[in-house]
Amino acid sequence: MKVLIIGGGNMGKTFAQGFLSAHIIRPKDLIILEKNPERAEHLRTANLGTIETDPGEYIQTIDLIVLAVKPQSTSLLFPTIQPYLNPEKVVVSIMAGVQVATIQQQLKIDKIIRAMPNLPAQVGMGMTAFTATAAVSRRELIEVQNLLSTTGRAIYFDDETMIDASTAVSGSGPAYVYYFMQSMIDAAMKLGFSESQAELLVWQTFMGAMHLHNKNTLTCNEWIQRVASKGGTTEAAINVFTKASVAQDIQDGIFAAFKRAEELGKK
């Protein structure tokens, strides 16, 4: 399979590295199209396949194209690559909010896969949700899932709406985690810890909690009950969170992110 990644930014570079390190794609079969000269030169020094700065006839030899550009770039990008496409090309879009129908109409092809990765893909711990049009064969779908899984985990959905939903949950999710971590760090510093001490306490707590959860079958609520003994310190904190409707506020935030994802898709 010959792969073209359009966009050599953080996510495009992440997927290129994932494909190559997993030995699914050979360097000679990978091309990255990056218009920014400085970024293109950086990609060349990183030995991430062949680097191109302009669309050209080489696109005709490509089997799969990954769109890793900002959504607002499509109006300029699509007309430049559309003449080199044919019905057999498979296009994977990781552009937030850009719907499958929009890509089909503008590129005039039917084999479209829309995916939503998240930031931890950069360290091989990403979560990617994806969907596909009926024109994508089962073999092609499995091949793409294998590619997406090189950066973490991937899950398929029949309904494209779930991609916007996953954007609100896992796509934006790392920011929610960092928001909660920063709140804990700020509280720790107010209790008298230095910044470095507060960060260590919080970072290790999050990593330890996740590793413990992954090695057992208990639910989050069951773990809370394990930690929050009757009349203890944890219960005092949980009672404050419950009284302040923290859980509902988090859910409301995710619903707001979902609504915004839908709005972006309609623009």
Protein backbone atom coordinates (compact mmCIF):
# COMPACT_ATOMS: atom_id res chain seq x y z
CA MET A 1 0.00 0.00 0.00
CA LYS A 2 1.22 3.48 -0.90
CA VAL A 3 0.14 6.18 1.53
CA LEU A 4 0.03 9.95 1.22
CA ILE A 5 -0.37 12.07 4.34
CA ILE A 6 -1.45 15.61 3.53
CA GLY A 7 -0.32 17.86 6.36
CA GLY A 8 2.93 17.39 8.27
CA GLY A 9 1.85 19.03 11.52
CA ASN A 10 1.71 17.27 14.88
CA MET A 11 -0.98 14.73 13.98
CA GLY A 12 0.27 14.08 10.44
CA LYS A 13 3.78 13.48 11.75
CA THR A 14 2.41 11.27 14.54
CA PHE A 15 0.62 9.00 12.09
CA ALA A 16 3.65 8.86 9.79
CA GLN A 17 5.85 7.76 12.68
CA GLY A 18 3.24 5.23 13.80
CA PHE A 19 2.90 3.67 10.35
CA LEU A 20 6.66 3.36 9.91
CA SER A 21 7.54 2.17 13.43
CA ALA A 22 4.89 -0.58 13.18
CA HIS A 23 6.43 -1.64 9.84
CA ILE A 24 3.00 -1.56 8.21
CA ILE A 25 4.19 0.98 5.65
CA ARG A 26 7.69 1.07 4.19
CA PRO A 27 9.48 4.45 3.96
CA LYS A 28 9.54 4.21 0.15
CA ASP A 29 5.74 3.84 0.14
CA LEU A 30 5.05 6.88 2.34
CA ILE A 31 4.74 10.45 1.07
CA ILE A 32 3.97 13.53 3.16
CA LEU A 33 2.65 16.64 1.44
CA GLU A 34 3.61 19.70 3.48
CA LYS A 35 3.53 23.19 1.97
CA ASN A 36 5.38 24.94 4.81
CA PRO A 37 9.09 24.92 3.73
CA GLU A 38 10.51 24.86 7.26
CA ARG A 39 8.22 22.07 8.40
CA ALA A 40 8.92 20.13 5.19
CA GLU A 41 12.66 20.34 5.83
CA HIS A 42 12.14 19.16 9.42
CA LEU A 43 10.22 16.14 8.12
CA ARG A 44 13.01 15.34 5.65
CA THR A 45 15.62 15.31 8.43
CA ALA A 46 13.34 12.98 10.41
CA ASN A 47 13.46 10.42 7.56
CA LEU A 48 9.69 10.09 7.32
CA GLY A 49 9.45 8.89 3.74
CA THR A 50 9.33 11.23 0.75
CA ILE A 51 8.39 14.85 1.40
CA GLU A 52 6.55 16.90 -1.23
CA THR A 53 5.58 20.56 -1.05
CA ASP A 54 3.02 20.66 -3.87
CA PRO A 55 0.36 18.31 -5.25
CA GLY A 56 1.31 16.49 -8.44
CA GLU A 57 0.90 13.42 -10.60
CA TYR A 58 2.49 11.25 -7.87
CA ILE A 59 -0.93 11.34 -6.17
CA GLN A 60 -2.25 9.10 -8.94
CA THR A 61 -0.02 6.26 -7.67
CA ILE A 62 -1.32 6.53 -4.09
CA ASP A 63 -3.69 3.92 -2.60
CA LEU A 64 -4.68 5.76 0.57
CA ILE A 65 -4.69 9.47 1.42
CA VAL A 66 -4.77 10.81 4.99
CA LEU A 67 -6.13 14.35 5.33
CA ALA A 68 -4.32 15.79 8.36
CA VAL A 69 -4.88 19.50 7.73
CA LYS A 70 -6.97 22.14 9.49
CA PRO A 71 -10.63 22.16 8.38
CA GLN A 72 -10.35 25.73 7.12
CA SER A 73 -7.66 24.61 4.66
CA THR A 74 -10.02 22.44 2.61
CA SER A 75 -11.32 25.21 0.33
CA LEU A 76 -7.79 25.78 -0.98
CA LEU A 77 -6.53 22.19 -0.76
CA PHE A 78 -9.33 20.14 -2.32
CA PRO A 79 -9.33 21.80 -5.78
CA THR A 80 -5.58 21.17 -6.07
CA ILE A 81 -5.75 17.42 -5.36
CA GLN A 82 -9.14 16.51 -6.86
CA PRO A 83 -7.85 16.26 -10.48
CA TYR A 84 -5.42 13.48 -9.42
CA LEU A 85 -8.06 11.30 -7.72
CA ASN A 86 -10.03 8.35 -9.03
CA PRO A 87 -12.89 6.22 -7.59
CA GLU A 88 -10.48 3.61 -6.18
CA LYS A 89 -8.68 6.05 -3.89
CA VAL A 90 -9.42 5.66 -0.17
CA VAL A 91 -9.40 8.93 1.79
CA VAL A 92 -9.06 9.02 5.58
CA SER A 93 -9.95 12.36 7.14
CA ILE A 94 -8.82 13.27 10.66
CA MET A 95 -10.12 16.83 10.29
CA ALA A 96 -12.38 17.83 13.18
CA GLY A 97 -15.97 18.61 12.25
CA VAL A 98 -15.69 18.02 8.49
CA GLN A 99 -18.50 15.66 7.52
CA VAL A 100 -18.17 12.73 5.12
CA ALA A 101 -20.75 14.25 2.72
CA THR A 102 -18.66 17.43 2.41
CA ILE A 103 -15.53 15.45 1.48
CA GLN A 104 -17.47 13.33 -1.02
CA GLN A 105 -18.96 16.36 -2.74
CA GLN A 106 -15.74 18.32 -2.98
CA LEU A 107 -13.35 15.49 -3.89
CA LYS A 108 -15.92 13.60 -6.00
CA ILE A 109 -15.00 10.19 -4.57
CA ASP A 110 -16.97 7.74 -2.42
CA LYS A 111 -14.40 5.79 -0.40
CA ILE A 112 -14.24 8.03 2.65
CA ILE A 113 -13.24 7.17 6.21
CA ARG A 114 -13.71 9.84 8.86
CA ALA A 115 -11.62 9.43 12.00
CA MET A 116 -11.15 11.38 15.22
CA PRO A 117 -7.88 10.70 17.07
CA ASN A 118 -6.77 12.49 20.23
CA LEU A 119 -3.54 14.01 21.53
CA PRO A 120 -2.12 10.90 23.29
CA ALA A 121 -1.71 9.39 19.81
CA GLN A 122 1.62 11.24 19.88
CA VAL A 123 2.91 8.72 22.45
CA GLY A 124 1.13 5.65 21.09
CA MET A 125 -1.70 5.87 23.63
CA GLY A 126 -4.34 7.55 21.48
CA MET A 127 -8.03 6.80 21.15
CA THR A 128 -9.38 7.03 17.61
CA ALA A 129 -13.04 6.69 16.63
CA PHE A 130 -13.81 6.16 12.95
CA THR A 131 -16.59 5.51 10.48
CA ALA A 132 -16.71 4.72 6.75
CA THR A 133 -18.93 4.98 3.70
CA ALA A 134 -20.51 1.88 2.18
CA ALA A 135 -18.09 2.09 -0.75
CA VAL A 136 -15.15 1.15 1.50
CA SER A 137 -14.58 -2.61 1.33
CA ARG A 138 -14.14 -4.78 4.40
CA ARG A 139 -10.50 -5.39 3.46
CA GLU A 140 -9.83 -1.67 3.14
CA LEU A 141 -11.58 -1.01 6.44
CA ILE A 142 -9.41 -3.57 8.24
CA GLU A 143 -6.27 -2.14 6.66
CA VAL A 144 -7.19 1.37 7.83
CA GLN A 145 -8.05 0.13 11.32
CA ASN A 146 -4.60 -1.47 11.52
CA LEU A 147 -3.03 1.84 10.49
CA LEU A 148 -5.04 3.85 13.02
CA SER A 149 -4.16 1.36 15.75
CA THR A 150 -0.46 2.11 15.36
CA THR A 151 -1.08 5.22 17.49
CA GLY A 152 -3.14 3.52 20.21
CA ARG A 153 -6.66 2.07 20.12
CA ALA A 154 -9.29 2.44 17.38
CA ILE A 155 -13.04 1.80 17.49
CA TYR A 156 -15.45 1.69 14.53
CA PHE A 157 -18.98 3.19 14.45
CA ASP A 158 -21.64 2.77 11.77
CA ASP A 159 -23.24 6.13 12.62
CA GLU A 160 -21.22 9.23 11.71
CA THR A 161 -22.93 11.14 14.54
CA MET A 162 -20.83 9.09 16.94
CA ILE A 163 -17.69 10.69 15.54
CA ASP A 164 -18.91 14.08 16.76
CA ALA A 165 -19.83 12.42 20.06
CA SER A 166 -16.36 10.88 20.37
CA THR A 167 -14.86 14.29 19.61
CA ALA A 168 -16.61 15.58 22.73
CA VAL A 169 -15.55 12.62 24.87
CA SER A 170 -12.13 11.33 23.80
CA GLY A 171 -11.06 14.00 21.30
CA SER A 172 -11.39 16.85 23.79
CA GLY A 173 -11.08 14.51 26.78
CA PRO A 174 -7.35 14.99 27.51
CA ALA A 175 -8.02 18.70 28.15
CA TYR A 176 -10.67 17.76 30.75
CA VAL A 177 -8.15 15.54 32.51
CA TYR A 178 -5.50 18.27 32.49
CA TYR A 179 -8.09 20.77 33.77
CA PHE A 180 -8.85 18.54 36.77
CA MET A 181 -5.14 17.85 37.35
CA GLN A 182 -4.33 21.57 37.30
CA SER A 183 -7.10 22.23 39.85
CA MET A 184 -5.56 19.61 42.13
CA ILE A 185 -2.08 21.10 41.64
CA ASP A 186 -3.39 24.58 42.52
CA ALA A 187 -5.07 23.21 45.66
CA ALA A 188 -1.89 21.38 46.68
CA MET A 189 0.15 24.58 46.36
CA LYS A 190 -2.38 26.43 48.53
CA LEU A 191 -1.87 23.70 51.13
CA GLY A 192 1.85 24.60 51.22
CA PHE A 193 3.51 22.32 48.67
CA SER A 194 5.97 23.75 46.17
CA GLU A 195 4.96 23.66 42.50
CA SER A 196 7.25 20.72 41.73
CA GLN A 197 6.02 18.81 44.78
CA ALA A 198 2.39 19.48 43.88
CA GLU A 199 2.93 18.34 40.28
CA LEU A 200 4.63 15.11 41.40
CA LEU A 201 1.84 14.32 43.86
CA VAL A 202 -0.87 14.83 41.25
CA TRP A 203 0.89 13.27 38.24
CA GLN A 204 1.78 10.09 40.11
CA THR A 205 -1.71 9.88 41.60
CA PHE A 206 -3.28 9.96 38.13
CA MET A 207 -0.85 7.42 36.67
CA GLY A 208 -1.23 5.11 39.66
CA ALA A 209 -5.02 5.32 39.60
CA MET A 210 -5.15 4.44 35.90
CA HIS A 211 -2.72 1.52 36.21
CA LEU A 212 -4.68 0.16 39.17
CA HIS A 213 -7.94 0.49 37.25
CA ASN A 214 -6.48 -1.25 34.19
CA LYS A 215 -5.28 -4.24 36.21
CA ASN A 216 -8.66 -4.92 37.84
CA THR A 217 -12.31 -5.29 36.84
CA LEU A 218 -13.85 -2.83 39.30
CA THR A 219 -15.89 0.09 37.94
CA CYS A 220 -15.01 3.70 38.71
CA ASN A 221 -17.83 3.89 41.28
CA GLU A 222 -16.58 0.72 42.96
CA TRP A 223 -13.08 2.20 43.20
CA ILE A 224 -14.52 5.36 44.73
CA GLN A 225 -16.21 3.24 47.39
CA ARG A 226 -12.90 1.45 48.05
CA VAL A 227 -11.13 4.75 48.71
CA ALA A 228 -13.94 6.70 50.39
CA SER A 229 -14.34 5.10 53.81
CA LYS A 230 -17.28 6.18 55.94
CA GLY A 231 -16.60 9.48 57.70
CA GLY A 232 -13.14 9.77 56.14
CA THR A 233 -11.28 12.45 54.22
CA THR A 234 -12.20 11.17 50.74
CA GLU A 235 -15.89 11.09 51.61
CA ALA A 236 -15.64 14.72 52.75
CA ALA A 237 -14.27 15.72 49.33
CA ILE A 238 -16.80 13.62 47.39
CA ASN A 239 -19.63 15.21 49.40
CA VAL A 240 -18.44 18.67 48.34
CA PHE A 241 -18.23 17.57 44.68
CA THR A 242 -21.74 16.10 44.87
CA LYS A 243 -23.23 19.19 46.54
CA ALA A 244 -21.60 21.41 43.89
CA SER A 245 -22.92 19.18 41.06
CA VAL A 246 -19.41 18.65 39.70
CA ALA A 247 -20.43 15.43 37.90
CA GLN A 248 -23.33 17.18 36.17
CA ASP A 249 -21.10 20.13 35.22
CA ILE A 250 -18.61 17.74 33.58
CA GLN A 251 -21.43 16.10 31.62
CA ASP A 252 -22.80 19.50 30.61
CA GLY A 253 -19.34 20.45 29.34
CA ILE A 254 -19.15 17.31 27.21
CA PHE A 255 -22.63 17.97 25.80
CA ALA A 256 -21.51 21.53 24.93
CA ALA A 257 -18.46 20.12 23.12
CA PHE A 258 -20.72 17.72 21.20
CA LYS A 259 -23.04 20.55 20.17
CA ARG A 260 -20.09 22.61 18.97
CA ALA A 261 -18.74 19.65 16.96
CA GLU A 262 -22.10 19.37 15.22
CA GLU A 263 -22.15 23.13 14.52
CA LEU A 264 -18.65 23.00 12.98
CA GLY A 265 -19.76 20.13 10.75
CA LYS A 266 -22.64 22.17 9.35
CA LYS A 267 -20.51 25.19 8.44
